[in-house]
Amino acid sequence: MDEIKEILEKTGALLSGHFILSSGLHSPNYVQCAKVFEFPAYGELVGKHLAEKILALNLKPTVVIGPALGGIIVAYEVGRFLGCRAMFTEREDGEMKLRRGFGLSENDSVIIVEDVVTTGKSTKEVEDVVKSYGANIVAYASVINRSGTENPFEKPYVYLIKLEFPTYEPDNCPLCRDGIPAVKPGSRRMK
């Protein structure tokens, strides 16, 4: 979607350098979606476009949930347009949990949303939390798909833009070999 790429560029969300992704992989590119959500009008627009893609799936979600930090605003905006509850998970002592009085039931139909999906690790952590409550996951969504595949999940998945950037294992990173300093911009603490 050209409009989304234009927003990413306009807000300075597309970065170049040497980044250590939350997955531990290294990349010369990084997308800092928080820069998009710095502008509420863009956050609203992104949420609307993602909600429209979800509506096209003919699902009846009762909850939209995303991981802190990147999924909080996305979940809120998508939930607002879908007319359902919006919540987020967060890490406590390194473990993803529902906190702050949020709860799910077996009657809930859940869509898990993210800002960026690369390995899907955070999304799968949220999936484990949702399943622990017995709720039904009906779909996944993200602003950006960096997974390298059309759908890394077992249920329907929609996204607004697909970006393919090279990634490297730390011990085989040409950026490291060239002595380019690495930055860890993600929200997940590295182990």
N, C-alpha and C. Protein backbone atom coordinates (compact mmCIF):
# COMPACT_ATOMS: atom_id res chain seq x y z
N MET A 1 0.85 -1.19 0.00
CA MET A 1 0.00 0.00 0.00
C MET A 1 0.89 1.24 0.00
N ASP A 2 0.85 1.98 -1.07
CA ASP A 2 1.71 3.16 -1.23
C ASP A 2 1.50 4.20 -0.14
N GLU A 3 0.25 4.38 0.29
CA GLU A 3 -0.06 5.37 1.32
C GLU A 3 0.68 5.06 2.62
N ILE A 4 0.73 3.77 3.00
CA ILE A 4 1.41 3.38 4.24
C ILE A 4 2.91 3.60 4.11
N LYS A 5 3.50 3.23 2.98
CA LYS A 5 4.94 3.45 2.79
C LYS A 5 5.26 4.94 2.85
N GLU A 6 4.40 5.75 2.26
CA GLU A 6 4.59 7.20 2.30
C GLU A 6 4.56 7.72 3.74
N ILE A 7 3.64 7.20 4.55
CA ILE A 7 3.55 7.59 5.96
C ILE A 7 4.81 7.16 6.71
N LEU A 8 5.28 5.94 6.45
CA LEU A 8 6.50 5.45 7.10
C LEU A 8 7.68 6.36 6.77
N GLU A 9 7.78 6.76 5.52
CA GLU A 9 8.89 7.64 5.09
C GLU A 9 8.73 9.03 5.68
N LYS A 10 7.52 9.57 5.62
CA LYS A 10 7.26 10.94 6.09
C LYS A 10 7.53 11.09 7.59
N THR A 11 7.25 10.05 8.36
CA THR A 11 7.42 10.13 9.82
C THR A 11 8.81 9.73 10.29
N GLY A 12 9.66 9.28 9.36
CA GLY A 12 11.00 8.84 9.75
C GLY A 12 11.01 7.48 10.40
N ALA A 13 10.01 6.66 10.14
CA ALA A 13 9.91 5.34 10.75
C ALA A 13 10.82 4.30 10.09
N LEU A 14 11.25 4.55 8.85
CA LEU A 14 12.16 3.63 8.15
C LEU A 14 13.59 4.05 8.43
N LEU A 15 14.32 3.20 9.12
CA LEU A 15 15.68 3.53 9.54
C LEU A 15 16.71 2.65 8.85
N SER A 16 17.90 3.20 8.63
CA SER A 16 19.03 2.45 8.07
C SER A 16 20.19 2.55 9.04
N GLY A 17 20.97 1.47 9.13
CA GLY A 17 22.12 1.42 10.03
C GLY A 17 22.48 -0.02 10.31
N HIS A 18 22.69 -0.35 11.58
CA HIS A 18 22.99 -1.71 12.03
C HIS A 18 22.17 -1.95 13.29
N PHE A 19 21.16 -2.81 13.15
CA PHE A 19 20.20 -3.00 14.23
C PHE A 19 20.18 -4.44 14.70
N ILE A 20 20.04 -4.60 16.01
CA ILE A 20 19.81 -5.92 16.59
C ILE A 20 18.32 -5.99 16.86
N LEU A 21 17.64 -6.86 16.11
CA LEU A 21 16.19 -7.00 16.23
C LEU A 21 15.85 -7.74 17.52
N SER A 22 14.61 -7.64 17.95
CA SER A 22 14.20 -8.32 19.19
C SER A 22 14.34 -9.83 19.06
N SER A 23 14.39 -10.35 17.84
CA SER A 23 14.61 -11.79 17.60
C SER A 23 16.06 -12.18 17.83
N GLY A 24 16.97 -11.17 17.92
CA GLY A 24 18.40 -11.44 18.03
C GLY A 24 19.11 -11.35 16.70
N LEU A 25 18.36 -11.37 15.60
CA LEU A 25 18.96 -11.23 14.27
C LEU A 25 19.44 -9.79 14.06
N HIS A 26 20.39 -9.63 13.17
CA HIS A 26 20.90 -8.30 12.82
C HIS A 26 20.34 -7.90 11.46
N SER A 27 20.16 -6.59 11.25
CA SER A 27 19.64 -6.09 9.98
C SER A 27 20.16 -4.68 9.72
N PRO A 28 20.34 -4.32 8.44
CA PRO A 28 20.71 -2.95 8.11
C PRO A 28 19.50 -2.01 8.09
N ASN A 29 18.31 -2.57 8.31
CA ASN A 29 17.09 -1.76 8.27
C ASN A 29 16.22 -2.06 9.48
N TYR A 30 15.48 -1.05 9.90
CA TYR A 30 14.57 -1.21 11.03
C TYR A 30 13.36 -0.30 10.80
N VAL A 31 12.20 -0.76 11.24
CA VAL A 31 11.00 0.06 11.16
C VAL A 31 10.58 0.42 12.58
N GLN A 32 10.59 1.69 12.90
CA GLN A 32 10.19 2.17 14.22
C GLN A 32 8.77 2.71 14.10
N CYS A 33 7.80 1.78 14.19
CA CYS A 33 6.39 2.16 14.01
C CYS A 33 5.91 3.19 15.02
N ALA A 34 6.58 3.28 16.15
CA ALA A 34 6.18 4.29 17.14
C ALA A 34 6.22 5.69 16.53
N LYS A 35 7.10 5.90 15.56
CA LYS A 35 7.18 7.21 14.90
C LYS A 35 5.89 7.52 14.14
N VAL A 36 5.24 6.49 13.59
CA VAL A 36 3.96 6.68 12.90
C VAL A 36 2.90 7.11 13.91
N PHE A 37 2.87 6.42 15.06
CA PHE A 37 1.83 6.66 16.06
C PHE A 37 2.07 7.91 16.88
N GLU A 38 3.19 8.58 16.62
CA GLU A 38 3.45 9.88 17.21
C GLU A 38 2.42 10.90 16.69
N PHE A 39 1.84 10.58 15.54
CA PHE A 39 0.84 11.43 14.90
C PHE A 39 -0.52 10.73 14.96
N PRO A 40 -1.42 11.13 15.87
CA PRO A 40 -2.69 10.44 16.03
C PRO A 40 -3.50 10.26 14.75
N ALA A 41 -3.43 11.21 13.83
CA ALA A 41 -4.18 11.06 12.59
C ALA A 41 -3.67 9.87 11.78
N TYR A 42 -2.36 9.64 11.80
CA TYR A 42 -1.81 8.47 11.10
C TYR A 42 -2.20 7.18 11.83
N GLY A 43 -2.18 7.22 13.16
CA GLY A 43 -2.60 6.04 13.93
C GLY A 43 -4.03 5.67 13.62
N GLU A 44 -4.88 6.67 13.54
CA GLU A 44 -6.29 6.44 13.21
C GLU A 44 -6.42 5.85 11.80
N LEU A 45 -5.68 6.39 10.85
CA LEU A 45 -5.74 5.92 9.48
C LEU A 45 -5.26 4.46 9.36
N VAL A 46 -4.16 4.15 10.02
CA VAL A 46 -3.62 2.78 10.02
C VAL A 46 -4.64 1.83 10.63
N GLY A 47 -5.22 2.21 11.76
CA GLY A 47 -6.23 1.37 12.41
C GLY A 47 -7.44 1.14 11.53
N LYS A 48 -7.87 2.18 10.83
CA LYS A 48 -9.02 2.07 9.93
C LYS A 48 -8.73 1.11 8.78
N HIS A 49 -7.57 1.27 8.15
CA HIS A 49 -7.21 0.39 7.03
C HIS A 49 -7.09 -1.07 7.48
N LEU A 50 -6.50 -1.29 8.64
CA LEU A 50 -6.35 -2.66 9.14
C LEU A 50 -7.71 -3.24 9.49
N ALA A 51 -8.57 -2.44 10.11
CA ALA A 51 -9.93 -2.89 10.45
C ALA A 51 -10.71 -3.25 9.18
N GLU A 52 -10.55 -2.48 8.12
CA GLU A 52 -11.24 -2.78 6.86
C GLU A 52 -10.80 -4.14 6.31
N LYS A 53 -9.51 -4.44 6.41
CA LYS A 53 -9.02 -5.74 5.95
C LYS A 53 -9.58 -6.88 6.81
N ILE A 54 -9.71 -6.62 8.10
CA ILE A 54 -10.27 -7.63 9.01
C ILE A 54 -11.75 -7.83 8.71
N LEU A 55 -12.47 -6.74 8.50
CA LEU A 55 -13.90 -6.84 8.17
C LEU A 55 -14.13 -7.66 6.91
N ALA A 56 -13.21 -7.57 5.96
CA ALA A 56 -13.34 -8.34 4.71
C ALA A 56 -13.26 -9.84 4.95
N LEU A 57 -12.74 -10.26 6.11
CA LEU A 57 -12.66 -11.68 6.45
C LEU A 57 -13.99 -12.22 6.98
N ASN A 58 -14.97 -11.32 7.20
CA ASN A 58 -16.28 -11.69 7.73
C ASN A 58 -16.20 -12.40 9.08
N LEU A 59 -15.37 -11.87 9.95
CA LEU A 59 -15.24 -12.41 11.31
C LEU A 59 -16.02 -11.51 12.27
N LYS A 60 -16.35 -12.04 13.40
CA LYS A 60 -17.05 -11.26 14.41
C LYS A 60 -16.22 -11.24 15.70
N PRO A 61 -15.11 -10.50 15.69
CA PRO A 61 -14.28 -10.49 16.89
C PRO A 61 -14.95 -9.75 18.04
N THR A 62 -14.65 -10.21 19.24
CA THR A 62 -15.11 -9.50 20.44
C THR A 62 -13.95 -8.75 21.10
N VAL A 63 -12.71 -9.16 20.75
CA VAL A 63 -11.52 -8.56 21.35
C VAL A 63 -10.41 -8.43 20.30
N VAL A 64 -9.73 -7.30 20.36
CA VAL A 64 -8.48 -7.11 19.62
C VAL A 64 -7.41 -6.94 20.67
N ILE A 65 -6.32 -7.70 20.54
CA ILE A 65 -5.27 -7.66 21.55
C ILE A 65 -3.91 -7.61 20.88
N GLY A 66 -3.00 -6.82 21.48
CA GLY A 66 -1.65 -6.71 20.96
C GLY A 66 -0.65 -6.67 22.09
N PRO A 67 0.60 -6.99 21.79
CA PRO A 67 1.63 -6.95 22.84
C PRO A 67 2.13 -5.53 23.08
N ALA A 68 2.43 -5.24 24.35
CA ALA A 68 3.09 -3.97 24.66
C ALA A 68 4.52 -4.07 24.15
N LEU A 69 5.06 -3.12 23.65
CA LEU A 69 4.53 -1.78 23.47
C LEU A 69 3.94 -1.59 22.07
N GLY A 70 4.52 -2.24 21.09
CA GLY A 70 4.16 -1.98 19.70
C GLY A 70 2.73 -2.23 19.32
N GLY A 71 2.04 -3.13 20.01
CA GLY A 71 0.68 -3.46 19.64
C GLY A 71 -0.40 -2.69 20.38
N ILE A 72 -0.04 -1.86 21.33
CA ILE A 72 -1.05 -1.17 22.15
C ILE A 72 -1.92 -0.22 21.31
N ILE A 73 -1.29 0.70 20.62
CA ILE A 73 -2.06 1.68 19.86
C ILE A 73 -2.77 1.01 18.69
N VAL A 74 -2.09 0.06 18.04
CA VAL A 74 -2.72 -0.65 16.92
C VAL A 74 -3.98 -1.36 17.40
N ALA A 75 -3.88 -2.08 18.53
CA ALA A 75 -5.05 -2.79 19.07
C ALA A 75 -6.17 -1.82 19.39
N TYR A 76 -5.84 -0.70 20.00
CA TYR A 76 -6.85 0.29 20.36
C TYR A 76 -7.57 0.82 19.12
N GLU A 77 -6.80 1.24 18.11
CA GLU A 77 -7.41 1.82 16.91
C GLU A 77 -8.23 0.79 16.13
N VAL A 78 -7.71 -0.43 15.98
CA VAL A 78 -8.46 -1.47 15.27
C VAL A 78 -9.72 -1.81 16.05
N GLY A 79 -9.61 -1.96 17.36
CA GLY A 79 -10.78 -2.24 18.19
C GLY A 79 -11.83 -1.16 18.10
N ARG A 80 -11.39 0.07 18.04
CA ARG A 80 -12.32 1.20 17.91
C ARG A 80 -13.11 1.10 16.61
N PHE A 81 -12.44 0.81 15.51
CA PHE A 81 -13.13 0.72 14.22
C PHE A 81 -13.99 -0.54 14.11
N LEU A 82 -13.58 -1.61 14.79
CA LEU A 82 -14.38 -2.84 14.75
C LEU A 82 -15.51 -2.82 15.77
N GLY A 83 -15.46 -1.88 16.70
CA GLY A 83 -16.49 -1.79 17.73
C GLY A 83 -16.40 -2.90 18.76
N CYS A 84 -15.17 -3.31 19.07
CA CYS A 84 -15.01 -4.36 20.09
C CYS A 84 -13.96 -3.93 21.12
N ARG A 85 -13.80 -4.74 22.14
CA ARG A 85 -12.84 -4.43 23.21
C ARG A 85 -11.42 -4.47 22.66
N ALA A 86 -10.57 -3.63 23.23
CA ALA A 86 -9.15 -3.60 22.88
C ALA A 86 -8.34 -3.71 24.16
N MET A 87 -7.33 -4.58 24.11
CA MET A 87 -6.48 -4.75 25.29
C MET A 87 -5.07 -5.10 24.83
N PHE A 88 -4.17 -5.23 25.80
CA PHE A 88 -2.80 -5.57 25.46
C PHE A 88 -2.21 -6.49 26.52
N THR A 89 -1.19 -7.21 26.09
CA THR A 89 -0.41 -8.02 27.02
C THR A 89 0.88 -7.26 27.30
N GLU A 90 1.53 -7.63 28.39
CA GLU A 90 2.83 -7.03 28.70
C GLU A 90 3.67 -8.05 29.44
N ARG A 91 4.96 -7.82 29.45
CA ARG A 91 5.86 -8.75 30.12
C ARG A 91 5.98 -8.41 31.59
N GLU A 92 5.93 -9.46 32.38
CA GLU A 92 6.19 -9.34 33.81
C GLU A 92 7.19 -10.42 34.14
N ASP A 93 8.36 -10.00 34.63
CA ASP A 93 9.46 -10.93 34.89
C ASP A 93 9.76 -11.78 33.66
N GLY A 94 9.74 -11.14 32.48
CA GLY A 94 10.09 -11.80 31.24
C GLY A 94 9.01 -12.67 30.62
N GLU A 95 7.84 -12.74 31.27
CA GLU A 95 6.76 -13.57 30.76
C GLU A 95 5.58 -12.71 30.32
N MET A 96 5.04 -13.01 29.14
CA MET A 96 3.90 -12.26 28.59
C MET A 96 2.65 -12.62 29.39
N LYS A 97 1.91 -11.57 29.82
CA LYS A 97 0.71 -11.79 30.64
C LYS A 97 -0.34 -10.72 30.33
N LEU A 98 -1.59 -11.06 30.67
CA LEU A 98 -2.66 -10.06 30.72
C LEU A 98 -2.61 -9.49 32.13
N ARG A 99 -2.60 -8.20 32.24
CA ARG A 99 -2.58 -7.54 33.54
C ARG A 99 -3.60 -6.42 33.53
N ARG A 100 -3.55 -5.55 34.51
CA ARG A 100 -4.38 -4.34 34.59
C ARG A 100 -5.88 -4.63 34.57
N GLY A 101 -6.26 -5.81 35.04
CA GLY A 101 -7.68 -6.14 35.12
C GLY A 101 -8.27 -6.68 33.83
N PHE A 102 -7.46 -6.83 32.78
CA PHE A 102 -7.96 -7.41 31.54
C PHE A 102 -8.28 -8.88 31.76
N GLY A 103 -9.26 -9.37 31.04
CA GLY A 103 -9.59 -10.79 31.11
C GLY A 103 -10.26 -11.25 29.83
N LEU A 104 -10.16 -12.52 29.57
CA LEU A 104 -10.79 -13.14 28.40
C LEU A 104 -11.62 -14.31 28.87
N SER A 105 -12.58 -14.72 28.05
CA SER A 105 -13.39 -15.89 28.37
C SER A 105 -13.43 -16.81 27.16
N GLU A 106 -13.98 -17.99 27.35
CA GLU A 106 -14.13 -18.97 26.27
C GLU A 106 -15.06 -18.46 25.17
N ASN A 107 -15.87 -17.46 25.49
CA ASN A 107 -16.80 -16.90 24.50
C ASN A 107 -16.16 -15.83 23.61
N ASP A 108 -14.93 -15.43 23.92
CA ASP A 108 -14.29 -14.37 23.15
C ASP A 108 -13.67 -14.89 21.85
N SER A 109 -13.88 -14.11 20.79
CA SER A 109 -13.23 -14.33 19.50
C SER A 109 -12.19 -13.22 19.36
N VAL A 110 -10.93 -13.61 19.25
CA VAL A 110 -9.82 -12.68 19.39
C VAL A 110 -9.04 -12.52 18.09
N ILE A 111 -8.68 -11.27 17.81
CA ILE A 111 -7.73 -10.97 16.74
C ILE A 111 -6.48 -10.41 17.41
N ILE A 112 -5.35 -11.01 17.11
CA ILE A 112 -4.07 -10.55 17.64
C ILE A 112 -3.44 -9.61 16.62
N VAL A 113 -3.09 -8.41 17.08
CA VAL A 113 -2.50 -7.40 16.19
C VAL A 113 -1.12 -6.99 16.68
N GLU A 114 -0.30 -6.57 15.74
CA GLU A 114 1.06 -6.12 16.01
C GLU A 114 1.36 -4.92 15.12
N ASP A 115 2.38 -4.18 15.46
CA ASP A 115 2.86 -3.16 14.54
C ASP A 115 3.67 -3.82 13.43
N VAL A 116 4.67 -4.63 13.80
CA VAL A 116 5.53 -5.30 12.83
C VAL A 116 5.64 -6.77 13.20
N VAL A 117 5.47 -7.66 12.22
CA VAL A 117 5.73 -9.09 12.42
C VAL A 117 6.98 -9.44 11.64
N THR A 118 7.99 -9.92 12.35
CA THR A 118 9.22 -10.39 11.71
C THR A 118 9.30 -11.90 11.92
N THR A 119 9.66 -12.33 13.12
CA THR A 119 9.68 -13.77 13.41
C THR A 119 8.33 -14.25 13.93
N GLY A 120 7.50 -13.33 14.41
CA GLY A 120 6.22 -13.70 14.99
C GLY A 120 6.33 -14.10 16.45
N LYS A 121 7.50 -13.94 17.05
CA LYS A 121 7.71 -14.39 18.44
C LYS A 121 6.77 -13.70 19.43
N SER A 122 6.68 -12.37 19.36
CA SER A 122 5.79 -11.66 20.29
C SER A 122 4.35 -12.07 20.07
N THR A 123 3.96 -12.20 18.80
CA THR A 123 2.59 -12.60 18.48
C THR A 123 2.29 -13.97 19.06
N LYS A 124 3.23 -14.88 18.95
CA LYS A 124 3.02 -16.24 19.48
C LYS A 124 2.96 -16.24 21.01
N GLU A 125 3.69 -15.32 21.64
CA GLU A 125 3.58 -15.18 23.10
C GLU A 125 2.18 -14.71 23.48
N VAL A 126 1.63 -13.76 22.72
CA VAL A 126 0.27 -13.29 22.97
C VAL A 126 -0.71 -14.45 22.72
N GLU A 127 -0.48 -15.20 21.66
CA GLU A 127 -1.32 -16.36 21.35
C GLU A 127 -1.39 -17.33 22.54
N ASP A 128 -0.25 -17.60 23.17
CA ASP A 128 -0.22 -18.50 24.33
C ASP A 128 -1.06 -17.94 25.47
N VAL A 129 -0.99 -16.63 25.69
CA VAL A 129 -1.79 -16.01 26.74
C VAL A 129 -3.28 -16.16 26.43
N VAL A 130 -3.67 -15.85 25.20
CA VAL A 130 -5.09 -15.95 24.80
C VAL A 130 -5.59 -17.38 24.97
N LYS A 131 -4.80 -18.33 24.52
CA LYS A 131 -5.19 -19.75 24.64
C LYS A 131 -5.31 -20.19 26.10
N SER A 132 -4.48 -19.61 26.97
CA SER A 132 -4.54 -19.99 28.39
C SER A 132 -5.88 -19.60 29.03
N TYR A 133 -6.59 -18.65 28.44
CA TYR A 133 -7.91 -18.25 28.92
C TYR A 133 -9.03 -19.03 28.22
N GLY A 134 -8.67 -19.86 27.24
CA GLY A 134 -9.67 -20.64 26.52
C GLY A 134 -10.38 -19.85 25.43
N ALA A 135 -9.92 -18.62 25.15
CA ALA A 135 -10.54 -17.80 24.10
C ALA A 135 -10.12 -18.32 22.73
N ASN A 136 -10.92 -17.98 21.71
CA ASN A 136 -10.70 -18.46 20.35
C ASN A 136 -10.01 -17.39 19.50
N ILE A 137 -8.84 -17.70 18.97
CA ILE A 137 -8.14 -16.78 18.07
C ILE A 137 -8.71 -16.99 16.68
N VAL A 138 -9.20 -15.90 16.07
CA VAL A 138 -9.83 -16.01 14.75
C VAL A 138 -8.96 -15.45 13.64
N ALA A 139 -7.98 -14.57 13.96
CA ALA A 139 -7.13 -14.00 12.92
C ALA A 139 -5.98 -13.23 13.56
N TYR A 140 -5.05 -12.86 12.69
CA TYR A 140 -3.89 -12.06 13.05
C TYR A 140 -3.80 -10.88 12.09
N ALA A 141 -3.21 -9.78 12.56
CA ALA A 141 -3.06 -8.61 11.70
C ALA A 141 -1.84 -7.82 12.14
N SER A 142 -1.23 -7.14 11.18
CA SER A 142 -0.12 -6.25 11.52
C SER A 142 -0.08 -5.11 10.50
N VAL A 143 0.55 -4.03 10.92
CA VAL A 143 0.76 -2.92 10.01
C VAL A 143 1.76 -3.36 8.95
N ILE A 144 2.87 -3.97 9.40
CA ILE A 144 3.95 -4.36 8.51
C ILE A 144 4.23 -5.86 8.64
N ASN A 145 4.37 -6.52 7.51
CA ASN A 145 4.77 -7.92 7.46
C ASN A 145 6.22 -7.97 7.00
N ARG A 146 7.10 -8.36 7.91
CA ARG A 146 8.53 -8.55 7.59
C ARG A 146 8.91 -10.01 7.69
N SER A 147 7.92 -10.90 7.75
CA SER A 147 8.17 -12.32 8.04
C SER A 147 8.83 -13.07 6.88
N GLY A 148 8.76 -12.52 5.68
CA GLY A 148 9.30 -13.23 4.53
C GLY A 148 8.35 -14.25 3.95
N THR A 149 7.14 -14.33 4.51
CA THR A 149 6.12 -15.26 4.03
C THR A 149 4.78 -14.53 4.01
N GLU A 150 3.84 -15.05 3.28
CA GLU A 150 2.53 -14.40 3.19
C GLU A 150 1.75 -14.55 4.50
N ASN A 151 1.90 -15.71 5.17
CA ASN A 151 1.18 -15.94 6.42
C ASN A 151 1.98 -16.89 7.31
N PRO A 152 2.63 -16.36 8.33
CA PRO A 152 3.41 -17.20 9.25
C PRO A 152 2.56 -17.87 10.35
N PHE A 153 1.24 -17.66 10.30
CA PHE A 153 0.36 -18.16 11.35
C PHE A 153 -0.59 -19.24 10.82
N GLU A 154 -1.33 -19.86 11.73
CA GLU A 154 -2.23 -20.96 11.36
C GLU A 154 -3.66 -20.51 11.07
N LYS A 155 -3.93 -19.24 11.26
CA LYS A 155 -5.26 -18.66 10.98
C LYS A 155 -5.06 -17.52 9.99
N PRO A 156 -6.14 -16.92 9.50
CA PRO A 156 -5.99 -15.81 8.56
C PRO A 156 -5.12 -14.68 9.12
N TYR A 157 -4.37 -14.06 8.23
CA TYR A 157 -3.46 -12.97 8.59
C TYR A 157 -3.56 -11.88 7.53
N VAL A 158 -3.77 -10.65 7.99
CA VAL A 158 -3.80 -9.50 7.10
C VAL A 158 -2.77 -8.48 7.56
N TYR A 159 -2.28 -7.70 6.61
CA TYR A 159 -1.30 -6.67 6.91
C TYR A 159 -1.48 -5.55 5.89
N LEU A 160 -0.86 -4.40 6.17
CA LEU A 160 -1.00 -3.26 5.29
C LEU A 160 0.14 -3.15 4.27
N ILE A 161 1.34 -3.55 4.66
CA ILE A 161 2.48 -3.46 3.75
C ILE A 161 3.48 -4.56 4.09
N LYS A 162 4.08 -5.10 3.05
CA LYS A 162 5.12 -6.11 3.22
C LYS A 162 6.46 -5.48 2.90
N LEU A 163 7.39 -5.59 3.84
CA LEU A 163 8.74 -5.06 3.64
C LEU A 163 9.72 -6.21 3.81
N GLU A 164 10.65 -6.31 2.89
CA GLU A 164 11.66 -7.36 2.97
C GLU A 164 13.03 -6.73 3.11
N PHE A 165 13.62 -6.91 4.29
CA PHE A 165 14.95 -6.41 4.57
C PHE A 165 15.83 -7.61 4.89
N PRO A 166 17.11 -7.54 4.57
CA PRO A 166 17.99 -8.66 4.91
C PRO A 166 18.16 -8.76 6.43
N THR A 167 18.30 -9.98 6.91
CA THR A 167 18.62 -10.24 8.31
C THR A 167 19.77 -11.22 8.37
N TYR A 168 20.55 -11.14 9.43
CA TYR A 168 21.73 -11.98 9.58
C TYR A 168 21.81 -12.56 10.98
N GLU A 169 22.29 -13.78 11.07
CA GLU A 169 22.64 -14.33 12.37
C GLU A 169 23.82 -13.51 12.90
N PRO A 170 23.89 -13.30 14.22
CA PRO A 170 24.95 -12.44 14.76
C PRO A 170 26.37 -12.90 14.38
N ASP A 171 26.60 -14.21 14.32
CA ASP A 171 27.94 -14.69 14.01
C ASP A 171 28.25 -14.69 12.51
N ASN A 172 27.28 -14.25 11.69
CA ASN A 172 27.49 -14.19 10.24
C ASN A 172 27.02 -12.83 9.69
N CYS A 173 27.22 -11.80 10.47
CA CYS A 173 26.71 -10.47 10.11
C CYS A 173 27.81 -9.64 9.43
N PRO A 174 27.58 -9.25 8.17
CA PRO A 174 28.58 -8.41 7.49
C PRO A 174 28.72 -7.03 8.11
N LEU A 175 27.68 -6.55 8.76
CA LEU A 175 27.73 -5.24 9.42
C LEU A 175 28.68 -5.29 10.62
N CYS A 176 28.63 -6.40 11.35
CA CYS A 176 29.55 -6.60 12.47
C CYS A 176 30.99 -6.69 11.96
N ARG A 177 31.18 -7.47 10.89
CA ARG A 177 32.52 -7.63 10.30
C ARG A 177 33.09 -6.29 9.83
N ASP A 178 32.21 -5.40 9.37
CA ASP A 178 32.65 -4.08 8.91
C ASP A 178 32.83 -3.09 10.07
N GLY A 179 32.55 -3.54 11.30
CA GLY A 179 32.76 -2.69 12.47
C GLY A 179 31.71 -1.61 12.67
N ILE A 180 30.55 -1.78 12.04
CA ILE A 180 29.48 -0.79 12.19
C ILE A 180 28.79 -1.03 13.54
N PRO A 181 28.75 -0.03 14.41
CA PRO A 181 28.13 -0.21 15.73
C PRO A 181 26.66 -0.61 15.61
N ALA A 182 26.25 -1.56 16.46
CA ALA A 182 24.87 -2.06 16.45
C ALA A 182 24.04 -1.35 17.50
N VAL A 183 22.76 -1.17 17.18
CA VAL A 183 21.79 -0.53 18.07
C VAL A 183 20.65 -1.51 18.31
N LYS A 184 20.14 -1.58 19.56
CA LYS A 184 18.98 -2.42 19.88
C LYS A 184 17.76 -1.53 20.09
N PRO A 185 16.98 -1.24 19.05
CA PRO A 185 15.85 -0.32 19.19
C PRO A 185 14.55 -0.98 19.66
N GLY A 186 14.44 -2.28 19.67
CA GLY A 186 13.18 -2.97 19.98
C GLY A 186 12.79 -2.86 21.44
N SER A 187 11.57 -3.28 21.73
CA SER A 187 11.05 -3.18 23.10
C SER A 187 11.29 -4.43 23.92
N ARG A 188 11.59 -5.57 23.28
CA ARG A 188 11.80 -6.81 24.04
C ARG A 188 13.23 -6.86 24.53
N ARG A 189 13.38 -7.18 25.81
CA ARG A 189 14.73 -7.30 26.36
C ARG A 189 15.39 -8.55 25.80
N MET A 190 16.62 -8.41 25.44
CA MET A 190 17.40 -9.53 24.93
C MET A 190 17.86 -10.37 26.11
N LYS A 191 17.91 -11.69 25.89
CA LYS A 191 18.38 -12.58 26.96
C LYS A 191 19.85 -12.88 26.77
